[in-house]
C-alpha atoms as a PDB file:
ATOM      1  CA  UNK A   1      -8.268  -8.542  -6.738  1.00  0.00           C
ATOM      2  CA  UNK A   2      -7.877  -8.056  -3.002  1.00  0.00           C
ATOM      3  CA  UNK A   3      -5.705 -10.502  -1.090  1.00  0.00           C
ATOM      4  CA  UNK A   4      -5.855 -11.322   2.610  1.00  0.00           C
ATOM      5  CA  UNK A   5      -3.048 -13.415   4.059  1.00  0.00           C
ATOM      6  CA  UNK A   6      -3.343 -15.230   7.365  1.00  0.00           C
ATOM      7  CA  UNK A   7      -1.869 -18.080   9.370  1.00  0.00           C
ATOM      8  CA  UNK A   8       1.428 -16.654  10.532  1.00  0.00           C
ATOM      9  CA  UNK A   9       2.677 -17.036  14.052  1.00  0.00           C
ATOM     10  CA  UNK A  10       5.463 -18.212  16.317  1.00  0.00           C
ATOM     11  CA  UNK A  11       6.741 -21.744  15.911  1.00  0.00           C
ATOM     12  CA  UNK A  12       9.793 -23.664  17.064  1.00  0.00           C
ATOM     13  CA  UNK A  13      12.409 -24.830  14.608  1.00  0.00           C
ATOM     14  CA  UNK A  14      11.317 -28.072  12.985  1.00  0.00           C
ATOM     15  CA  UNK A  15       7.662 -27.166  13.317  1.00  0.00           C
ATOM     16  CA  UNK A  16       5.008 -26.448  10.725  1.00  0.00           C
ATOM     17  CA  UNK A  17       2.646 -23.667   9.749  1.00  0.00           C
ATOM     18  CA  UNK A  18       0.030 -23.282   7.055  1.00  0.00           C
ATOM     19  CA  UNK A  19      -0.527 -19.890   5.513  1.00  0.00           C
ATOM     20  CA  UNK A  20      -3.666 -18.977   3.615  1.00  0.00           C
ATOM     21  CA  UNK A  21      -4.329 -16.204   1.149  1.00  0.00           C
ATOM     22  CA  UNK A  22      -7.969 -15.486   0.419  1.00  0.00           C
ATOM     23  CA  UNK A  23      -8.811 -13.506  -2.696  1.00  0.00           C
ATOM     24  CA  UNK A  24     -11.858 -11.397  -3.328  1.00  0.00           C
ATOM     25  CA  UNK A  25     -12.950 -10.037  -6.633  1.00  0.00           C
ATOM     26  CA  UNK A  26     -13.455 -11.643  -9.935  1.00  0.00           C
ATOM     27  CA  UNK A  27     -11.651 -14.367 -11.795  1.00  0.00           C
ATOM     28  CA  UNK A  28      -9.290 -15.661  -9.118  1.00  0.00           C
ATOM     29  CA  UNK A  29      -8.861 -18.764 -11.235  1.00  0.00           C
ATOM     30  CA  UNK A  30      -7.317 -16.631 -13.948  1.00  0.00           C
ATOM     31  CA  UNK A  31      -4.434 -15.469 -11.775  1.00  0.00           C
ATOM     32  CA  UNK A  32      -1.109 -17.086 -11.163  1.00  0.00           C
ATOM     33  CA  UNK A  33      -0.296 -16.871  -7.452  1.00  0.00           C
ATOM     34  CA  UNK A  34       2.864 -16.675  -5.435  1.00  0.00           C
ATOM     35  CA  UNK A  35       4.346 -16.235  -1.987  1.00  0.00           C
ATOM     36  CA  UNK A  36       7.233 -13.936  -1.206  1.00  0.00           C
ATOM     37  CA  UNK A  37       8.904 -13.120   2.083  1.00  0.00           C
ATOM     38  CA  UNK A  38      10.851 -10.260   3.538  1.00  0.00           C
ATOM     39  CA  UNK A  39      13.112 -10.556   6.543  1.00  0.00           C
ATOM     40  CA  UNK A  40      14.191  -7.487   8.522  1.00  0.00           C
ATOM     41  CA  UNK A  41      16.797  -5.523   6.633  1.00  0.00           C
ATOM     42  CA  UNK A  42      16.530  -7.686   3.535  1.00  0.00           C
ATOM     43  CA  UNK A  43      14.857  -7.425   0.170  1.00  0.00           C
ATOM     44  CA  UNK A  44      11.626  -9.186  -0.594  1.00  0.00           C
ATOM     45  CA  UNK A  45      12.424 -12.615  -2.009  1.00  0.00           C
ATOM     46  CA  UNK A  46      10.558 -15.231  -3.977  1.00  0.00           C
ATOM     47  CA  UNK A  47       9.431 -18.331  -2.107  1.00  0.00           C
ATOM     48  CA  UNK A  48       7.007 -20.293  -4.267  1.00  0.00           C
ATOM     49  CA  UNK A  49       4.473 -19.835  -7.067  1.00  0.00           C
ATOM     50  CA  UNK A  50       1.664 -21.739  -8.737  1.00  0.00           C
ATOM     51  CA  UNK A  51      -0.014 -21.378 -12.106  1.00  0.00           C
ATOM     52  CA  UNK A  52      -3.638 -20.328 -12.425  1.00  0.00           C
ATOM     53  CA  UNK A  53      -4.767 -23.886 -13.095  1.00  0.00           C
ATOM     54  CA  UNK A  54      -2.582 -25.318 -10.358  1.00  0.00           C
ATOM     55  CA  UNK A  55      -0.749 -27.644 -12.715  1.00  0.00           C
ATOM     56  CA  UNK A  56       2.735 -26.242 -12.171  1.00  0.00           C
ATOM     57  CA  UNK A  57       4.572 -25.069  -9.085  1.00  0.00           C
ATOM     58  CA  UNK A  58       7.880 -23.268  -8.738  1.00  0.00           C
ATOM     59  CA  UNK A  59      10.013 -23.266  -5.604  1.00  0.00           C
ATOM     60  CA  UNK A  60      13.000 -21.335  -4.366  1.00  0.00           C
ATOM     61  CA  UNK A  61      15.928 -23.642  -3.662  1.00  0.00           C
ATOM     62  CA  UNK A  62      15.878 -22.651  -0.002  1.00  0.00           C
ATOM     63  CA  UNK A  63      12.385 -24.105   0.555  1.00  0.00           C
ATOM     64  CA  UNK A  64      12.336 -26.974  -1.948  1.00  0.00           C
ATOM     65  CA  UNK A  65      11.208 -30.151  -0.231  1.00  0.00           C
ATOM     66  CA  UNK A  66       9.938 -28.305   2.864  1.00  0.00           C
ATOM     67  CA  UNK A  67       7.235 -25.978   1.554  1.00  0.00           C
ATOM     68  CA  UNK A  68       4.231 -26.821  -0.599  1.00  0.00           C
ATOM     69  CA  UNK A  69       1.937 -24.436  -2.419  1.00  0.00           C
ATOM     70  CA  UNK A  70      -1.596 -25.353  -3.405  1.00  0.00           C
ATOM     71  CA  UNK A  71      -4.782 -23.579  -4.398  1.00  0.00           C
ATOM     72  CA  UNK A  72      -8.503 -24.128  -4.274  1.00  0.00           C
ATOM     73  CA  UNK A  73     -10.111 -22.082  -7.018  1.00  0.00           C
ATOM     74  CA  UNK A  74     -13.582 -22.896  -5.715  1.00  0.00           C
ATOM     75  CA  UNK A  75     -12.646 -21.185  -2.440  1.00  0.00           C
ATOM     76  CA  UNK A  76     -10.555 -18.414  -4.017  1.00  0.00           C
ATOM     77  CA  UNK A  77      -7.698 -19.375  -1.744  1.00  0.00           C
ATOM     78  CA  UNK A  78      -4.040 -20.283  -2.085  1.00  0.00           C
ATOM     79  CA  UNK A  79      -2.170 -22.115   0.657  1.00  0.00           C
ATOM     80  CA  UNK A  80       1.434 -22.426   1.745  1.00  0.00           C
ATOM     81  CA  UNK A  81       2.235 -25.459   3.851  1.00  0.00           C
ATOM     82  CA  UNK A  82       5.563 -24.930   5.583  1.00  0.00           C
ATOM     83  CA  UNK A  83       7.263 -27.899   7.235  1.00  0.00           C
ATOM     84  CA  UNK A  84      10.647 -28.342   8.883  1.00  0.00           C
ATOM     85  CA  UNK A  85      10.806 -24.651   9.561  1.00  0.00           C
ATOM     86  CA  UNK A  86      14.163 -23.032  10.267  1.00  0.00           C
ATOM     87  CA  UNK A  87      15.033 -19.784  12.040  1.00  0.00           C
ATOM     88  CA  UNK A  88      16.111 -18.364   8.676  1.00  0.00           C
ATOM     89  CA  UNK A  89      12.519 -18.745   7.462  1.00  0.00           C
ATOM     90  CA  UNK A  90      11.551 -15.938   9.830  1.00  0.00           C
ATOM     91  CA  UNK A  91       9.999 -13.150   7.752  1.00  0.00           C
ATOM     92  CA  UNK A  92       6.827 -11.403   6.787  1.00  0.00           C
ATOM     93  CA  UNK A  93       5.178 -13.542   4.126  1.00  0.00           C
ATOM     94  CA  UNK A  94       3.232 -11.885   1.317  1.00  0.00           C
ATOM     95  CA  UNK A  95       0.944 -13.467  -1.212  1.00  0.00           C
ATOM     96  CA  UNK A  96       0.868 -12.071  -4.717  1.00  0.00           C
ATOM     97  CA  UNK A  97      -1.336 -12.384  -7.772  1.00  0.00           C
ATOM     98  CA  UNK A  98      -0.237 -11.973 -11.356  1.00  0.00           C
ATOM     99  CA  UNK A  99      -2.336 -12.075 -14.484  1.00  0.00           C
ATOM    100  CA  UNK A 100       0.321 -12.582 -17.147  1.00  0.00           C
ATOM    101  CA  UNK A 101       3.339 -14.073 -15.408  1.00  0.00           C
ATOM    102  CA  UNK A 102       3.913 -16.735 -12.816  1.00  0.00           C
ATOM    103  CA  UNK A 103       5.217 -14.395 -10.117  1.00  0.00           C
ATOM    104  CA  UNK A 104       8.809 -15.339  -9.403  1.00  0.00           C
ATOM    105  CA  UNK A 105       9.996 -11.747  -9.221  1.00  0.00           C
ATOM    106  CA  UNK A 106       8.361  -9.048  -7.144  1.00  0.00           C
ATOM    107  CA  UNK A 107       7.830  -6.916 -10.242  1.00  0.00           C
ATOM    108  CA  UNK A 108       5.749  -9.713 -11.814  1.00  0.00           C
ATOM    109  CA  UNK A 109       2.961  -9.228  -9.282  1.00  0.00           C
ATOM    110  CA  UNK A 110      -0.146  -7.180 -10.020  1.00  0.00           C
ATOM    111  CA  UNK A 111      -1.593  -7.397  -6.517  1.00  0.00           C
ATOM    112  CA  UNK A 112      -0.199  -7.949  -3.040  1.00  0.00           C
ATOM    113  CA  UNK A 113      -1.656  -9.105   0.227  1.00  0.00           C
ATOM    114  CA  UNK A 114      -0.856  -7.298   3.456  1.00  0.00           C
ATOM    115  CA  UNK A 115       1.621  -9.835   4.807  1.00  0.00           C
ATOM    116  CA  UNK A 116       1.622 -12.221   7.731  1.00  0.00           C
ATOM    117  CA  UNK A 117       4.536 -12.606  10.146  1.00  0.00           C
ATOM    118  CA  UNK A 118       6.208 -15.972  10.615  1.00  0.00           C
ATOM    119  CA  UNK A 119       8.700 -16.270  13.450  1.00  0.00           C
ATOM    120  CA  UNK A 120      10.738 -19.443  13.900  1.00  0.00           C
ATOM    121  CA  UNK A 121      12.556 -19.776  17.180  1.00  0.00           C
ATOM    122  CA  UNK A 122      15.692 -21.870  17.582  1.00  0.00           C
END
């Protein structure tokens, strides 16, 4: 599976962005998907994940109620809608695919996208 993340950019605090992660290869619908982020000088951290069927989602406490993950298996794409953005959300955002686990730890992921930069100005 190859993953291509897009949609990052510069936004003011309180604004919104929608990230997309397009997958190529076979059996996207068989993969659990997740988003992680990495701020400068910090470790990569879990943001949100969704099961292969899309019936369950998991959120980090820091984004609960502000971010929403969804997927369209017909389009081989997973989305991250980010609302009420804060300066501390500034990071490179990575999408991840995992066959066995719902990726809530970086080591759970089998495949990674290349990352897309989100910058939130105050």
